[in-house]
Amino acid sequence: MKIKETNEMMEITNVEDFDLDHIFDCGQCFRWEKNIDGSYTGIAYGRIVTMNYDKSGHVLRILNSNREDFDNIWRHYLDLDRDYGVIKKKLRDADSVICDAIDYGHGIRILNQNKWETLISFIISQNNNIPRIKKNINSLAELIGDKAGEYNGKVYYNLPEPEVLASVSVEDLAPCRLGYRAKYLIETARQINEEGMESLEALGKADVSAAEALESLRRYCGVGPKVANCIALFSMGKIDSFPIDTWVRKVMYQLYDIPEKEMKRMASFAAETFGEYGGIAQQYLFYYITHKGK
């Protein structure tokens, strides 16, 4: 990669295996919106930016940003130092069936998101669809989150910190229309507030296995196996985590003939076939089944 800063814009050249549609529309994040020109505007780690990607020139541009934020946030957030070309080759060599899914979602990268935001976002995501998840999350941020700033005429808000969310009632959150999830969010916030954020952050350490992280995440109210796997994959660097939801069950049946009810068999197959890259394989498969034929 070559990196250049000009007029509050970062320009990164030679960015391969990258596509903003694939990254921001594969179910791993909920605070990015596509603009008419194909760029995306969103907020992460309290920063509001617009990203666009020139596919022909392999150039990524991040507007409303600077070199410090790129080095401290966006480089890691976008997983730019991981060679996805090598990973795709290893997955293809291990399993010919996944090749079509890899080609279809070739520009996917696993984001390294804020752990607390990912935790509450995926509690909200359960039994929910993506447009409604986005609406729920933004409503929660606007209702009790801090103002992050204004950009292109729109005000953006951060999601509330644990101590703020822990102090409200289910009735207070009624305008967000979270349903039963409101209780889960408040209880989880109280758990985090009592233990300290360090307990959650520690799960992302390299010496903590995915299995250990999943076990700890399941302690939080409203966090089941699928949600725990999503949090571990999308915010803790556990790229061997293999979340199984309705769509993954469907694609595993269609492509691998594993009955949809046999989730343990799916998990075992993923571990044996995709190994340390199970989570990346899952995203290729998820994107393929949810977008192919649209």
Protein backbone atom coordinates (compact mmCIF):
# COMPACT_ATOMS: atom_id res chain seq x y z
CA MET A 1 0.00 0.00 0.00
CA LYS A 2 0.97 3.59 -0.61
CA ILE A 3 -0.59 6.22 1.66
CA LYS A 4 -1.05 9.93 0.95
CA GLU A 5 -2.85 12.66 2.91
CA THR A 6 -4.35 15.71 1.15
CA ASN A 7 -7.01 18.16 2.35
CA GLU A 8 -8.59 15.98 5.04
CA MET A 9 -8.57 12.99 2.74
CA MET A 10 -6.53 9.82 2.89
CA GLU A 11 -5.68 8.13 -0.39
CA ILE A 12 -4.44 4.56 -0.17
CA THR A 13 -3.28 2.91 -3.38
CA ASN A 14 -2.67 -0.77 -4.22
CA VAL A 15 -5.56 -1.93 -2.04
CA GLU A 16 -6.39 -5.41 -3.34
CA ASP A 17 -9.20 -7.86 -2.48
CA PHE A 18 -11.45 -5.01 -1.42
CA ASP A 19 -15.01 -3.89 -2.21
CA LEU A 20 -17.08 -1.52 -0.06
CA ASP A 21 -20.38 -3.12 -1.11
CA HIS A 22 -19.12 -6.51 -0.01
CA ILE A 23 -17.67 -5.19 3.26
CA PHE A 24 -20.54 -2.98 4.41
CA ASP A 25 -23.42 -5.12 3.12
CA CYS A 26 -22.49 -8.56 4.42
CA GLY A 27 -24.21 -8.33 7.79
CA GLN A 28 -21.19 -7.53 9.94
CA CYS A 29 -21.88 -3.82 10.60
CA PHE A 30 -24.88 -1.52 10.78
CA ARG A 31 -23.74 2.11 10.89
CA TRP A 32 -22.77 2.68 7.25
CA GLU A 33 -25.04 4.00 4.51
CA LYS A 34 -24.45 3.92 0.77
CA ASN A 35 -24.51 7.22 -1.10
CA ILE A 36 -25.77 7.85 -4.62
CA ASP A 37 -22.23 7.89 -6.01
CA GLY A 38 -21.43 4.46 -4.56
CA SER A 39 -19.41 5.75 -1.61
CA TYR A 40 -20.32 4.97 2.00
CA THR A 41 -20.65 7.33 4.96
CA GLY A 42 -20.66 6.09 8.51
CA ILE A 43 -19.32 6.31 12.02
CA ALA A 44 -16.88 4.07 13.88
CA TYR A 45 -14.76 4.74 16.97
CA GLY A 46 -16.37 8.19 17.19
CA ARG A 47 -15.14 9.24 13.74
CA ILE A 48 -17.44 10.15 10.86
CA VAL A 49 -16.03 9.56 7.38
CA THR A 50 -16.95 8.84 3.79
CA MET A 51 -15.15 6.05 1.96
CA ASN A 52 -15.01 5.40 -1.75
CA TYR A 53 -13.06 2.81 -3.68
CA ASP A 54 -11.86 2.98 -7.27
CA LYS A 55 -12.08 -0.64 -8.39
CA SER A 56 -10.17 -0.11 -11.61
CA GLY A 57 -7.26 1.66 -9.91
CA HIS A 58 -7.47 -0.20 -6.57
CA VAL A 59 -7.53 3.14 -4.73
CA LEU A 60 -9.31 3.65 -1.41
CA ARG A 61 -10.16 7.21 -0.37
CA ILE A 62 -11.25 8.15 3.14
CA LEU A 63 -12.73 11.65 3.36
CA ASN A 64 -12.91 13.76 6.53
CA SER A 65 -9.87 11.95 7.92
CA ASN A 66 -6.14 12.34 8.50
CA ARG A 67 -3.00 10.24 8.77
CA GLU A 68 -3.27 9.86 12.54
CA ASP A 69 -6.79 8.45 12.34
CA PHE A 70 -5.80 6.18 9.46
CA ASP A 71 -2.88 4.74 11.42
CA ASN A 72 -4.80 4.46 14.71
CA ILE A 73 -8.27 3.47 13.46
CA TRP A 74 -8.96 2.79 9.81
CA ARG A 75 -5.99 0.63 8.91
CA HIS A 76 -6.91 -1.91 11.58
CA TYR A 77 -10.68 -1.39 11.28
CA LEU A 78 -10.58 -2.34 7.58
CA ASP A 79 -8.10 -5.18 8.20
CA LEU A 80 -5.81 -3.75 5.54
CA ASP A 81 -2.68 -5.56 6.71
CA ARG A 82 -4.16 -9.02 6.17
CA ASP A 83 -3.46 -10.70 2.79
CA TYR A 84 -6.88 -11.92 1.69
CA GLY A 85 -5.46 -13.15 -1.60
CA VAL A 86 -3.49 -15.79 0.28
CA ILE A 87 -6.50 -16.69 2.43
CA LYS A 88 -8.77 -17.11 -0.59
CA LYS A 89 -6.25 -19.42 -2.21
CA LYS A 90 -6.04 -21.56 0.95
CA LEU A 91 -9.83 -21.78 1.17
CA ARG A 92 -10.11 -22.74 -2.51
CA ASP A 93 -7.42 -25.39 -2.10
CA ALA A 94 -9.23 -26.82 0.92
CA ASP A 95 -12.70 -26.86 -0.65
CA SER A 96 -13.68 -26.43 -4.30
CA VAL A 97 -17.35 -25.92 -3.41
CA ILE A 98 -16.74 -22.51 -1.83
CA CYS A 99 -15.02 -21.10 -4.94
CA ASP A 100 -18.19 -19.55 -6.41
CA ALA A 101 -19.00 -17.86 -3.10
CA ILE A 102 -15.46 -16.47 -2.84
CA ASP A 103 -15.64 -15.09 -6.37
CA TYR A 104 -19.04 -13.55 -5.69
CA GLY A 105 -17.94 -11.77 -2.49
CA HIS A 106 -14.27 -11.39 -3.40
CA GLY A 107 -13.92 -7.97 -1.78
CA ILE A 108 -15.07 -8.91 1.73
CA ARG A 109 -12.82 -8.02 4.64
CA ILE A 110 -13.60 -8.72 8.29
CA LEU A 111 -13.90 -5.44 10.18
CA ASN A 112 -12.27 -4.95 13.57
CA GLN A 113 -15.06 -3.10 15.31
CA ASN A 114 -15.44 -1.61 18.77
CA LYS A 115 -16.17 -4.50 21.13
CA TRP A 116 -18.84 -2.80 23.22
CA GLU A 117 -20.68 -1.47 20.18
CA THR A 118 -20.50 -4.88 18.52
CA LEU A 119 -21.85 -6.56 21.64
CA ILE A 120 -24.94 -4.37 21.88
CA SER A 121 -25.41 -4.24 18.09
CA PHE A 122 -25.63 -8.02 17.81
CA ILE A 123 -27.91 -8.31 20.82
CA ILE A 124 -30.20 -5.99 18.87
CA SER A 125 -29.69 -8.06 15.71
CA GLN A 126 -31.24 -11.28 16.97
CA ASN A 127 -34.50 -12.21 15.25
CA ASN A 128 -34.29 -8.95 13.36
CA ASN A 129 -33.67 -7.78 9.79
CA ILE A 130 -30.87 -5.45 8.72
CA PRO A 131 -32.96 -2.31 7.91
CA ARG A 132 -34.68 -2.57 11.29
CA ILE A 133 -31.40 -3.31 13.10
CA LYS A 134 -29.92 -0.12 11.64
CA LYS A 135 -32.98 1.87 12.67
CA ASN A 136 -32.90 0.43 16.22
CA ILE A 137 -29.19 1.16 16.64
CA ASN A 138 -29.42 4.72 15.33
CA SER A 139 -32.48 5.40 17.49
CA LEU A 140 -30.61 4.18 20.57
CA ALA A 141 -27.62 6.39 19.74
CA GLU A 142 -29.80 9.45 19.14
CA LEU A 143 -31.85 8.87 22.29
CA ILE A 144 -29.10 8.44 24.91
CA GLY A 145 -25.75 8.57 23.10
CA ASP A 146 -23.33 11.49 22.90
CA LYS A 147 -23.23 13.70 19.82
CA ALA A 148 -20.23 12.69 17.71
CA GLY A 149 -20.42 15.58 15.27
CA GLU A 150 -22.05 16.91 12.14
CA TYR A 151 -20.99 15.94 8.64
CA ASN A 152 -22.54 16.94 5.31
CA GLY A 153 -25.52 18.41 7.10
CA LYS A 154 -26.30 15.35 9.23
CA VAL A 155 -25.78 14.94 12.97
CA TYR A 156 -24.19 11.67 14.11
CA TYR A 157 -24.32 10.13 17.57
CA ASN A 158 -22.20 7.54 19.36
CA LEU A 159 -23.85 4.55 20.96
CA PRO A 160 -24.26 5.00 24.74
CA GLU A 161 -21.48 3.87 27.07
CA PRO A 162 -22.26 1.03 29.51
CA GLU A 163 -22.78 3.33 32.50
CA VAL A 164 -25.37 5.35 30.57
CA LEU A 165 -27.27 2.35 29.24
CA ALA A 166 -27.14 0.69 32.67
CA SER A 167 -28.90 3.66 34.25
CA VAL A 168 -32.04 3.67 32.11
CA SER A 169 -35.23 1.61 32.26
CA VAL A 170 -36.97 -0.47 29.63
CA GLU A 171 -39.63 2.25 29.49
CA ASP A 172 -36.96 4.87 28.78
CA LEU A 173 -35.95 2.92 25.68
CA ALA A 174 -39.50 2.54 24.37
CA PRO A 175 -39.00 5.13 21.56
CA CYS A 176 -36.29 2.85 20.06
CA ARG A 177 -38.79 0.00 19.62
CA LEU A 178 -36.31 -2.63 20.74
CA GLY A 179 -38.91 -5.01 22.13
CA TYR A 180 -37.60 -7.71 24.47
CA ARG A 181 -34.03 -6.75 23.48
CA ALA A 182 -34.22 -3.60 25.61
CA LYS A 183 -34.11 -5.69 28.79
CA TYR A 184 -31.12 -7.65 27.48
CA LEU A 185 -29.22 -4.46 26.62
CA ILE A 186 -29.77 -2.89 30.02
CA GLU A 187 -28.80 -6.05 31.91
CA THR A 188 -25.67 -6.53 29.77
CA ALA A 189 -24.71 -2.90 30.31
CA ARG A 190 -25.03 -3.42 34.07
CA GLN A 191 -22.82 -6.50 33.88
CA ILE A 192 -20.15 -4.60 31.93
CA ASN A 193 -20.46 -1.60 34.23
CA GLU A 194 -19.91 -3.78 37.31
CA GLU A 195 -17.02 -5.80 35.85
CA GLY A 196 -15.35 -2.95 34.00
CA MET A 197 -14.82 -2.66 30.25
CA GLU A 198 -11.45 -4.38 30.68
CA SER A 199 -13.21 -7.73 31.06
CA LEU A 200 -14.72 -7.38 27.59
CA GLU A 201 -11.61 -5.89 25.98
CA ALA A 202 -9.45 -8.73 27.32
CA LEU A 203 -11.35 -11.26 25.21
CA GLY A 204 -9.72 -9.82 22.10
CA LYS A 205 -6.19 -10.67 23.22
CA ALA A 206 -4.24 -13.01 20.96
CA ASP A 207 -3.72 -15.56 23.75
CA VAL A 208 -7.49 -15.93 24.27
CA SER A 209 -8.88 -18.64 21.99
CA ALA A 210 -12.18 -18.31 20.15
CA ALA A 211 -13.64 -21.03 22.39
CA GLU A 212 -12.64 -19.12 25.53
CA ALA A 213 -14.01 -15.85 24.15
CA LEU A 214 -17.31 -17.52 23.22
CA GLU A 215 -17.70 -19.02 26.68
CA SER A 216 -17.14 -15.63 28.32
CA LEU A 217 -19.46 -13.81 25.92
CA ARG A 218 -22.28 -16.25 26.67
CA ARG A 219 -22.34 -14.88 30.23
CA TYR A 220 -23.90 -11.66 28.98
CA CYS A 221 -27.67 -11.36 28.96
CA GLY A 222 -29.18 -12.14 25.57
CA VAL A 223 -26.00 -13.56 24.05
CA GLY A 224 -26.50 -17.00 22.51
CA PRO A 225 -24.12 -19.04 20.32
CA LYS A 226 -24.75 -17.14 17.08
CA VAL A 227 -24.47 -13.70 18.64
CA ALA A 228 -21.34 -14.71 20.56
CA ASN A 229 -19.69 -15.97 17.38
CA CYS A 230 -20.54 -12.73 15.57
CA ILE A 231 -19.03 -10.61 18.35
CA ALA A 232 -15.89 -12.75 18.46
CA LEU A 233 -15.48 -12.61 14.69
CA PHE A 234 -16.32 -8.97 14.02
CA SER A 235 -14.60 -7.29 16.95
CA MET A 236 -12.15 -9.67 18.62
CA GLY A 237 -10.06 -11.00 15.76
CA LYS A 238 -11.30 -14.57 16.20
CA ILE A 239 -11.44 -15.29 12.48
CA ASP A 240 -11.99 -18.98 13.08
CA SER A 241 -15.41 -18.23 14.61
CA PHE A 242 -18.23 -19.54 12.42
CA PRO A 243 -21.60 -17.90 13.20
CA ILE A 244 -24.57 -20.03 12.16
CA ASP A 245 -27.87 -18.28 11.51
CA THR A 246 -30.85 -19.09 9.30
CA TRP A 247 -29.01 -18.06 6.13
CA VAL A 248 -25.88 -20.04 6.93
CA ARG A 249 -27.99 -23.10 7.70
CA LYS A 250 -29.61 -22.67 4.32
CA VAL A 251 -26.36 -22.31 2.37
CA MET A 252 -24.73 -25.20 4.20
CA TYR A 253 -27.65 -27.39 3.17
CA GLN A 254 -27.67 -26.16 -0.42
CA LEU A 255 -23.93 -26.41 -0.99
CA TYR A 256 -22.85 -29.19 1.38
CA ASP A 257 -26.05 -31.18 1.89
CA ILE A 258 -25.92 -30.79 5.68
CA PRO A 259 -29.51 -30.75 7.06
CA GLU A 260 -30.47 -27.33 8.41
CA LYS A 261 -31.13 -28.66 11.91
CA GLU A 262 -27.65 -30.17 12.25
CA MET A 263 -25.79 -27.07 13.40
CA LYS A 264 -23.18 -29.01 15.37
CA ARG A 265 -22.32 -30.89 12.20
CA MET A 266 -22.00 -27.58 10.33
CA ALA A 267 -19.66 -26.21 12.98
CA SER A 268 -17.54 -29.36 12.88
CA PHE A 269 -17.41 -29.28 9.08
CA ALA A 270 -16.33 -25.63 9.12
CA ALA A 271 -13.60 -26.30 11.67
CA GLU A 272 -12.26 -29.27 9.75
CA THR A 273 -12.54 -27.74 6.26
CA PHE A 274 -11.91 -24.01 6.73
CA GLY A 275 -9.83 -24.19 9.91
CA GLU A 276 -8.40 -20.89 11.10
CA TYR A 277 -10.26 -19.00 8.36
CA GLY A 278 -13.73 -20.27 9.23
CA GLY A 279 -15.12 -16.82 9.90
CA ILE A 280 -13.91 -15.45 6.59
CA ALA A 281 -15.38 -18.48 4.81
CA GLN A 282 -18.65 -17.86 6.64
CA GLN A 283 -18.83 -14.32 5.32
CA TYR A 284 -18.28 -15.45 1.73
CA LEU A 285 -21.04 -18.04 2.17
CA PHE A 286 -23.41 -15.62 3.93
CA TYR A 287 -22.96 -12.92 1.29
CA TYR A 288 -23.45 -15.46 -1.49
CA ILE A 289 -26.71 -16.88 -0.16
CA THR A 290 -28.17 -13.48 0.77
CA HIS A 291 -27.25 -11.63 -2.44
CA LYS A 292 -27.06 -14.17 -5.25
CA GLY A 293 -30.14 -13.85 -7.42
CA LYS A 294 -31.14 -10.39 -6.15
